[in-house]
Amino acid sequence: MSYFADEEGAAEPDINATPLIDVLLVLLVMLIVTIPVPLHSLDTAPASRGTGQPPQQAPIRIDVASDGTLRWNGEALPGLAALETRLYTAANTASFPSIQLHPARSVSHAKVIEVLAAAQRQGLPGIGLITQWGNEAE
């Protein structure tokens, strides 16, 4: 504690505030450390199996051969109009299956684009393009 003299010469004690501030800072740090961290979490219930969900359907496989012929699950189609008819039927089912397009390695890009455009015209949300050209025998 330090002393200073006032105008009359009497000594008055002066309080050193540094230790007081140090103690307050330590208490503040302890308070911050002990406060629990709020966790932002979302409670989700696991999906129930087997209730109210339609059974999974096998995907529809559309093959495009190197000469441009089309196959629907192995069945030959006479042309693009027949493919569009089948795509229309698939698009208007309650739960349409996924569609996989398997083009041959040497098929023209124009033929693949025609099939994709036909699926788009029928309002199908997506079509998978499957290319496994490593061991393909044509």
N, C-alpha and C. Protein backbone atom coordinates (compact mmCIF):
# COMPACT_ATOMS: atom_id res chain seq x y z
N MET A 1 0.85 -1.16 0.00
CA MET A 1 0.00 0.00 0.00
C MET A 1 0.90 1.23 0.00
N SER A 2 0.54 2.16 -0.80
CA SER A 2 1.36 3.37 -0.86
C SER A 2 0.65 4.52 -0.14
N TYR A 3 1.44 5.48 0.24
CA TYR A 3 0.90 6.63 0.95
C TYR A 3 1.20 7.88 0.15
N PHE A 4 0.29 8.81 0.23
CA PHE A 4 0.58 10.13 -0.35
C PHE A 4 0.12 11.18 0.65
N ALA A 5 0.70 12.34 0.52
CA ALA A 5 0.39 13.42 1.46
C ALA A 5 -0.62 14.35 0.82
N ASP A 6 -1.63 14.72 1.60
CA ASP A 6 -2.60 15.67 1.06
C ASP A 6 -2.10 17.09 1.32
N GLU A 7 -2.92 18.08 1.10
CA GLU A 7 -2.51 19.47 1.20
C GLU A 7 -2.12 19.85 2.65
N GLU A 8 -2.68 19.15 3.58
CA GLU A 8 -2.39 19.49 4.98
C GLU A 8 -1.18 18.74 5.50
N GLY A 9 -0.64 17.83 4.69
CA GLY A 9 0.54 17.09 5.10
C GLY A 9 0.24 15.78 5.77
N ALA A 10 -1.04 15.43 5.94
CA ALA A 10 -1.39 14.16 6.56
C ALA A 10 -1.29 13.05 5.51
N ALA A 11 -0.78 11.92 5.89
CA ALA A 11 -0.64 10.78 4.98
C ALA A 11 -1.94 10.00 4.90
N GLU A 12 -2.38 9.71 3.69
CA GLU A 12 -3.59 8.91 3.48
C GLU A 12 -3.22 7.68 2.66
N PRO A 13 -3.77 6.54 3.01
CA PRO A 13 -3.44 5.31 2.25
C PRO A 13 -4.10 5.33 0.87
N ASP A 14 -3.38 4.79 -0.14
CA ASP A 14 -3.91 4.66 -1.50
C ASP A 14 -4.00 3.17 -1.82
N ILE A 15 -5.13 2.73 -2.30
CA ILE A 15 -5.35 1.31 -2.60
C ILE A 15 -4.76 0.99 -3.97
N ASN A 16 -3.96 -0.07 -4.03
CA ASN A 16 -3.40 -0.54 -5.28
C ASN A 16 -4.46 -1.42 -5.97
N ALA A 17 -4.96 -0.98 -7.10
CA ALA A 17 -6.06 -1.67 -7.77
C ALA A 17 -5.58 -2.81 -8.67
N THR A 18 -4.30 -2.97 -8.94
CA THR A 18 -3.81 -4.01 -9.85
C THR A 18 -4.15 -5.42 -9.37
N PRO A 19 -3.91 -5.77 -8.10
CA PRO A 19 -4.29 -7.12 -7.67
C PRO A 19 -5.80 -7.36 -7.76
N LEU A 20 -6.57 -6.34 -7.51
CA LEU A 20 -8.03 -6.46 -7.58
C LEU A 20 -8.46 -6.77 -9.02
N ILE A 21 -7.87 -6.09 -9.98
CA ILE A 21 -8.19 -6.33 -11.39
C ILE A 21 -7.73 -7.72 -11.81
N ASP A 22 -6.56 -8.16 -11.31
CA ASP A 22 -6.08 -9.51 -11.63
C ASP A 22 -7.04 -10.58 -11.12
N VAL A 23 -7.52 -10.42 -9.92
CA VAL A 23 -8.46 -11.39 -9.35
C VAL A 23 -9.76 -11.40 -10.16
N LEU A 24 -10.25 -10.24 -10.54
CA LEU A 24 -11.48 -10.18 -11.32
C LEU A 24 -11.31 -10.84 -12.69
N LEU A 25 -10.15 -10.66 -13.32
CA LEU A 25 -9.91 -11.30 -14.61
C LEU A 25 -9.84 -12.82 -14.48
N VAL A 26 -9.21 -13.31 -13.41
CA VAL A 26 -9.15 -14.75 -13.18
C VAL A 26 -10.54 -15.31 -12.96
N LEU A 27 -11.37 -14.61 -12.19
CA LEU A 27 -12.74 -15.07 -11.98
C LEU A 27 -13.54 -15.06 -13.29
N LEU A 28 -13.32 -14.07 -14.12
CA LEU A 28 -14.00 -14.00 -15.41
C LEU A 28 -13.60 -15.17 -16.31
N VAL A 29 -12.31 -15.48 -16.35
CA VAL A 29 -11.84 -16.62 -17.15
C VAL A 29 -12.42 -17.91 -16.61
N MET A 30 -12.47 -18.08 -15.31
CA MET A 30 -13.05 -19.30 -14.73
C MET A 30 -14.53 -19.41 -15.07
N LEU A 31 -15.23 -18.30 -15.06
CA LEU A 31 -16.64 -18.31 -15.42
C LEU A 31 -16.83 -18.71 -16.88
N ILE A 32 -16.02 -18.18 -17.76
CA ILE A 32 -16.14 -18.49 -19.19
C ILE A 32 -15.83 -19.97 -19.44
N VAL A 33 -14.84 -20.51 -18.73
CA VAL A 33 -14.46 -21.90 -18.93
C VAL A 33 -15.53 -22.84 -18.41
N THR A 34 -16.19 -22.49 -17.34
CA THR A 34 -17.16 -23.40 -16.74
C THR A 34 -18.54 -23.33 -17.36
N ILE A 35 -18.83 -22.33 -18.18
CA ILE A 35 -20.13 -22.26 -18.84
C ILE A 35 -20.20 -23.35 -19.89
N PRO A 36 -21.27 -24.16 -19.90
CA PRO A 36 -21.36 -25.23 -20.90
C PRO A 36 -21.52 -24.65 -22.31
N VAL A 37 -20.87 -25.30 -23.25
CA VAL A 37 -20.93 -24.86 -24.64
C VAL A 37 -22.26 -25.33 -25.23
N PRO A 38 -23.05 -24.43 -25.80
CA PRO A 38 -24.31 -24.87 -26.39
C PRO A 38 -24.04 -25.67 -27.67
N LEU A 39 -24.62 -26.83 -27.75
CA LEU A 39 -24.46 -27.67 -28.93
C LEU A 39 -25.68 -27.50 -29.82
N HIS A 40 -25.44 -27.20 -31.06
CA HIS A 40 -26.53 -27.08 -32.02
C HIS A 40 -26.74 -28.45 -32.63
N SER A 41 -27.77 -29.12 -32.20
CA SER A 41 -28.02 -30.47 -32.70
C SER A 41 -29.45 -30.57 -33.19
N LEU A 42 -29.65 -31.53 -34.03
CA LEU A 42 -30.97 -31.78 -34.60
C LEU A 42 -31.36 -33.19 -34.24
N ASP A 43 -32.44 -33.33 -33.51
CA ASP A 43 -32.90 -34.66 -33.13
C ASP A 43 -33.68 -35.26 -34.29
N THR A 44 -33.23 -36.41 -34.74
CA THR A 44 -33.92 -37.08 -35.84
C THR A 44 -34.25 -38.49 -35.39
N ALA A 45 -35.41 -38.91 -35.77
CA ALA A 45 -35.82 -40.28 -35.48
C ALA A 45 -35.38 -41.17 -36.63
N PRO A 46 -34.88 -42.35 -36.35
CA PRO A 46 -34.49 -43.23 -37.45
C PRO A 46 -35.71 -43.65 -38.26
N ALA A 47 -35.49 -43.83 -39.54
CA ALA A 47 -36.60 -44.21 -40.41
C ALA A 47 -37.06 -45.62 -40.06
N SER A 48 -38.36 -45.76 -39.99
CA SER A 48 -38.90 -47.09 -39.70
C SER A 48 -38.88 -47.93 -40.97
N ARG A 49 -38.54 -49.17 -40.83
CA ARG A 49 -38.42 -50.04 -41.99
C ARG A 49 -39.68 -50.87 -42.15
N GLY A 50 -40.10 -50.98 -43.38
CA GLY A 50 -41.20 -51.88 -43.69
C GLY A 50 -42.58 -51.29 -43.47
N THR A 51 -42.70 -50.06 -43.11
CA THR A 51 -44.03 -49.51 -42.89
C THR A 51 -44.25 -48.31 -43.79
N GLY A 52 -45.20 -48.40 -44.63
CA GLY A 52 -45.60 -47.27 -45.46
C GLY A 52 -44.70 -46.93 -46.62
N GLN A 53 -43.67 -47.72 -46.87
CA GLN A 53 -42.79 -47.41 -47.97
C GLN A 53 -43.01 -48.43 -49.07
N PRO A 54 -43.08 -47.96 -50.33
CA PRO A 54 -43.29 -48.91 -51.41
C PRO A 54 -42.04 -49.77 -51.60
N PRO A 55 -42.22 -50.99 -52.07
CA PRO A 55 -41.05 -51.83 -52.30
C PRO A 55 -40.18 -51.28 -53.42
N GLN A 56 -38.89 -51.51 -53.30
CA GLN A 56 -37.96 -51.02 -54.31
C GLN A 56 -38.14 -51.82 -55.60
N GLN A 57 -38.22 -51.12 -56.71
CA GLN A 57 -38.36 -51.77 -58.00
C GLN A 57 -36.99 -51.91 -58.62
N ALA A 58 -36.86 -52.92 -59.48
CA ALA A 58 -35.61 -53.10 -60.20
C ALA A 58 -35.46 -51.95 -61.19
N PRO A 59 -34.23 -51.48 -61.39
CA PRO A 59 -34.05 -50.37 -62.34
C PRO A 59 -34.34 -50.80 -63.77
N ILE A 60 -34.80 -49.84 -64.55
CA ILE A 60 -35.04 -50.08 -65.97
C ILE A 60 -33.72 -49.90 -66.70
N ARG A 61 -33.37 -50.87 -67.50
CA ARG A 61 -32.11 -50.82 -68.24
C ARG A 61 -32.41 -50.55 -69.70
N ILE A 62 -31.83 -49.46 -70.20
CA ILE A 62 -31.96 -49.11 -71.63
C ILE A 62 -30.58 -49.28 -72.24
N ASP A 63 -30.47 -50.20 -73.20
CA ASP A 63 -29.21 -50.44 -73.90
C ASP A 63 -29.26 -49.78 -75.26
N VAL A 64 -28.17 -49.14 -75.63
CA VAL A 64 -28.03 -48.55 -76.96
C VAL A 64 -26.84 -49.25 -77.61
N ALA A 65 -27.14 -50.06 -78.62
CA ALA A 65 -26.09 -50.82 -79.29
C ALA A 65 -25.29 -49.90 -80.21
N SER A 66 -24.17 -50.44 -80.70
CA SER A 66 -23.29 -49.61 -81.55
C SER A 66 -23.95 -49.24 -82.87
N ASP A 67 -24.94 -50.04 -83.34
CA ASP A 67 -25.64 -49.70 -84.57
C ASP A 67 -26.85 -48.80 -84.32
N GLY A 68 -27.10 -48.45 -83.06
CA GLY A 68 -28.18 -47.52 -82.74
C GLY A 68 -29.47 -48.19 -82.31
N THR A 69 -29.52 -49.53 -82.27
CA THR A 69 -30.74 -50.19 -81.84
C THR A 69 -30.90 -50.05 -80.33
N LEU A 70 -32.15 -50.00 -79.91
CA LEU A 70 -32.48 -49.79 -78.51
C LEU A 70 -33.05 -51.05 -77.90
N ARG A 71 -32.74 -51.29 -76.63
CA ARG A 71 -33.30 -52.41 -75.88
C ARG A 71 -33.81 -51.89 -74.54
N TRP A 72 -35.00 -52.37 -74.16
CA TRP A 72 -35.62 -52.03 -72.89
C TRP A 72 -35.62 -53.30 -72.04
N ASN A 73 -34.77 -53.36 -71.03
CA ASN A 73 -34.61 -54.55 -70.20
C ASN A 73 -34.38 -55.81 -71.04
N GLY A 74 -33.59 -55.68 -72.08
CA GLY A 74 -33.26 -56.82 -72.93
C GLY A 74 -34.19 -57.01 -74.11
N GLU A 75 -35.32 -56.35 -74.13
CA GLU A 75 -36.30 -56.50 -75.21
C GLU A 75 -36.03 -55.43 -76.26
N ALA A 76 -35.90 -55.85 -77.52
CA ALA A 76 -35.60 -54.92 -78.61
C ALA A 76 -36.79 -54.00 -78.86
N LEU A 77 -36.49 -52.73 -79.10
CA LEU A 77 -37.52 -51.73 -79.41
C LEU A 77 -37.38 -51.36 -80.88
N PRO A 78 -38.53 -51.15 -81.57
CA PRO A 78 -38.46 -50.82 -83.00
C PRO A 78 -37.89 -49.44 -83.29
N GLY A 79 -37.98 -48.51 -82.35
CA GLY A 79 -37.45 -47.17 -82.62
C GLY A 79 -37.60 -46.26 -81.42
N LEU A 80 -37.32 -45.00 -81.66
CA LEU A 80 -37.36 -44.01 -80.58
C LEU A 80 -38.79 -43.75 -80.10
N ALA A 81 -39.77 -43.87 -80.99
CA ALA A 81 -41.17 -43.65 -80.59
C ALA A 81 -41.62 -44.70 -79.57
N ALA A 82 -41.20 -45.94 -79.78
CA ALA A 82 -41.55 -47.00 -78.83
C ALA A 82 -40.87 -46.75 -77.48
N LEU A 83 -39.65 -46.24 -77.52
CA LEU A 83 -38.96 -45.90 -76.27
C LEU A 83 -39.70 -44.78 -75.54
N GLU A 84 -40.14 -43.77 -76.27
CA GLU A 84 -40.87 -42.67 -75.63
C GLU A 84 -42.18 -43.16 -75.01
N THR A 85 -42.85 -44.10 -75.66
CA THR A 85 -44.08 -44.66 -75.10
C THR A 85 -43.80 -45.36 -73.78
N ARG A 86 -42.74 -46.15 -73.75
CA ARG A 86 -42.38 -46.86 -72.51
C ARG A 86 -41.94 -45.87 -71.43
N LEU A 87 -41.20 -44.84 -71.80
CA LEU A 87 -40.79 -43.84 -70.82
C LEU A 87 -41.99 -43.09 -70.26
N TYR A 88 -42.98 -42.80 -71.12
CA TYR A 88 -44.19 -42.13 -70.67
C TYR A 88 -44.92 -42.99 -69.65
N THR A 89 -45.01 -44.30 -69.93
CA THR A 89 -45.68 -45.20 -69.00
C THR A 89 -44.92 -45.26 -67.67
N ALA A 90 -43.59 -45.31 -67.74
CA ALA A 90 -42.79 -45.35 -66.51
C ALA A 90 -42.91 -44.06 -65.72
N ALA A 91 -43.00 -42.94 -66.42
CA ALA A 91 -43.07 -41.65 -65.73
C ALA A 91 -44.41 -41.45 -65.04
N ASN A 92 -45.45 -42.10 -65.51
CA ASN A 92 -46.79 -41.90 -64.95
C ASN A 92 -47.17 -42.95 -63.93
N THR A 93 -46.24 -43.77 -63.49
CA THR A 93 -46.53 -44.70 -62.40
C THR A 93 -46.38 -43.96 -61.07
N ALA A 94 -46.95 -44.55 -60.04
CA ALA A 94 -46.93 -43.89 -58.73
C ALA A 94 -45.49 -43.72 -58.22
N SER A 95 -44.71 -44.75 -58.34
CA SER A 95 -43.30 -44.66 -57.93
C SER A 95 -42.47 -45.27 -59.04
N PHE A 96 -41.97 -44.42 -59.89
CA PHE A 96 -41.22 -44.92 -61.04
C PHE A 96 -39.83 -45.36 -60.61
N PRO A 97 -39.34 -46.44 -61.22
CA PRO A 97 -38.01 -46.93 -60.85
C PRO A 97 -36.92 -46.08 -61.47
N SER A 98 -35.71 -46.34 -61.03
CA SER A 98 -34.58 -45.63 -61.63
C SER A 98 -34.32 -46.18 -63.03
N ILE A 99 -33.75 -45.33 -63.87
CA ILE A 99 -33.47 -45.71 -65.25
C ILE A 99 -31.97 -45.65 -65.46
N GLN A 100 -31.42 -46.71 -66.03
CA GLN A 100 -30.00 -46.78 -66.32
C GLN A 100 -29.81 -46.89 -67.82
N LEU A 101 -29.00 -46.01 -68.37
CA LEU A 101 -28.70 -46.00 -69.80
C LEU A 101 -27.31 -46.61 -69.99
N HIS A 102 -27.24 -47.67 -70.79
CA HIS A 102 -25.99 -48.38 -71.06
C HIS A 102 -25.65 -48.24 -72.53
N PRO A 103 -24.90 -47.22 -72.92
CA PRO A 103 -24.52 -47.10 -74.33
C PRO A 103 -23.32 -47.98 -74.66
N ALA A 104 -23.27 -48.46 -75.90
CA ALA A 104 -22.11 -49.21 -76.35
C ALA A 104 -20.95 -48.23 -76.55
N ARG A 105 -19.76 -48.79 -76.61
CA ARG A 105 -18.57 -47.94 -76.70
C ARG A 105 -18.53 -47.15 -78.01
N SER A 106 -18.96 -47.75 -79.09
CA SER A 106 -18.83 -47.10 -80.39
C SER A 106 -20.12 -46.44 -80.89
N VAL A 107 -21.10 -46.28 -80.02
CA VAL A 107 -22.34 -45.62 -80.45
C VAL A 107 -22.10 -44.12 -80.58
N SER A 108 -22.82 -43.50 -81.51
CA SER A 108 -22.64 -42.06 -81.69
C SER A 108 -23.25 -41.30 -80.52
N HIS A 109 -22.65 -40.17 -80.23
CA HIS A 109 -23.17 -39.34 -79.13
C HIS A 109 -24.57 -38.84 -79.43
N ALA A 110 -24.88 -38.65 -80.69
CA ALA A 110 -26.20 -38.14 -81.06
C ALA A 110 -27.29 -39.11 -80.63
N LYS A 111 -27.04 -40.42 -80.75
CA LYS A 111 -28.05 -41.41 -80.36
C LYS A 111 -28.26 -41.40 -78.85
N VAL A 112 -27.19 -41.25 -78.10
CA VAL A 112 -27.31 -41.19 -76.63
C VAL A 112 -28.07 -39.93 -76.23
N ILE A 113 -27.79 -38.83 -76.90
CA ILE A 113 -28.48 -37.57 -76.60
C ILE A 113 -29.96 -37.68 -76.94
N GLU A 114 -30.31 -38.39 -78.01
CA GLU A 114 -31.72 -38.59 -78.35
C GLU A 114 -32.46 -39.34 -77.24
N VAL A 115 -31.82 -40.36 -76.68
CA VAL A 115 -32.45 -41.13 -75.58
C VAL A 115 -32.60 -40.25 -74.35
N LEU A 116 -31.56 -39.49 -74.01
CA LEU A 116 -31.65 -38.59 -72.85
C LEU A 116 -32.72 -37.53 -73.05
N ALA A 117 -32.84 -37.00 -74.27
CA ALA A 117 -33.87 -35.99 -74.55
C ALA A 117 -35.26 -36.59 -74.46
N ALA A 118 -35.41 -37.84 -74.89
CA ALA A 118 -36.72 -38.51 -74.79
C ALA A 118 -37.11 -38.67 -73.33
N ALA A 119 -36.17 -39.02 -72.48
CA ALA A 119 -36.46 -39.14 -71.04
C ALA A 119 -36.81 -37.78 -70.45
N GLN A 120 -36.14 -36.75 -70.89
CA GLN A 120 -36.42 -35.40 -70.38
C GLN A 120 -37.80 -34.94 -70.84
N ARG A 121 -38.17 -35.24 -72.06
CA ARG A 121 -39.50 -34.84 -72.56
C ARG A 121 -40.62 -35.52 -71.79
N GLN A 122 -40.38 -36.71 -71.28
CA GLN A 122 -41.41 -37.43 -70.54
C GLN A 122 -41.46 -37.03 -69.07
N GLY A 123 -40.57 -36.13 -68.67
CA GLY A 123 -40.61 -35.61 -67.31
C GLY A 123 -39.94 -36.49 -66.28
N LEU A 124 -39.06 -37.36 -66.71
CA LEU A 124 -38.35 -38.21 -65.74
C LEU A 124 -37.28 -37.37 -65.03
N PRO A 125 -37.17 -37.49 -63.70
CA PRO A 125 -36.27 -36.62 -62.96
C PRO A 125 -34.80 -36.90 -63.17
N GLY A 126 -34.44 -38.12 -63.47
CA GLY A 126 -33.02 -38.41 -63.63
C GLY A 126 -32.82 -39.74 -64.32
N ILE A 127 -31.70 -39.86 -64.95
CA ILE A 127 -31.35 -41.10 -65.64
C ILE A 127 -29.86 -41.32 -65.42
N GLY A 128 -29.51 -42.56 -65.08
CA GLY A 128 -28.11 -42.87 -64.83
C GLY A 128 -27.42 -43.33 -66.11
N LEU A 129 -26.26 -42.79 -66.36
CA LEU A 129 -25.47 -43.16 -67.54
C LEU A 129 -24.38 -44.11 -67.07
N ILE A 130 -24.49 -45.37 -67.46
CA ILE A 130 -23.57 -46.41 -67.01
C ILE A 130 -22.63 -46.76 -68.17
N THR A 131 -21.35 -46.53 -67.97
CA THR A 131 -20.37 -46.85 -69.00
C THR A 131 -19.32 -47.76 -68.38
N GLN A 132 -19.30 -49.00 -68.84
CA GLN A 132 -18.31 -49.98 -68.40
C GLN A 132 -17.66 -50.50 -69.68
N TRP A 133 -16.70 -49.78 -70.16
CA TRP A 133 -16.12 -50.09 -71.45
C TRP A 133 -14.85 -50.92 -71.35
N GLY A 134 -14.42 -51.25 -70.17
CA GLY A 134 -13.15 -51.95 -70.02
C GLY A 134 -13.13 -53.33 -70.64
N ASN A 135 -14.15 -54.18 -70.37
CA ASN A 135 -14.17 -55.55 -70.85
C ASN A 135 -15.37 -55.81 -71.73
N GLU A 136 -15.87 -54.81 -72.40
CA GLU A 136 -17.08 -54.95 -73.17
C GLU A 136 -16.80 -55.63 -74.49
N ALA A 137 -17.62 -56.62 -74.81
CA ALA A 137 -17.51 -57.30 -76.10
C ALA A 137 -18.71 -56.90 -76.93
N GLU A 138 -18.46 -56.38 -78.09
CA GLU A 138 -19.57 -55.93 -78.93
C GLU A 138 -19.75 -56.86 -80.10
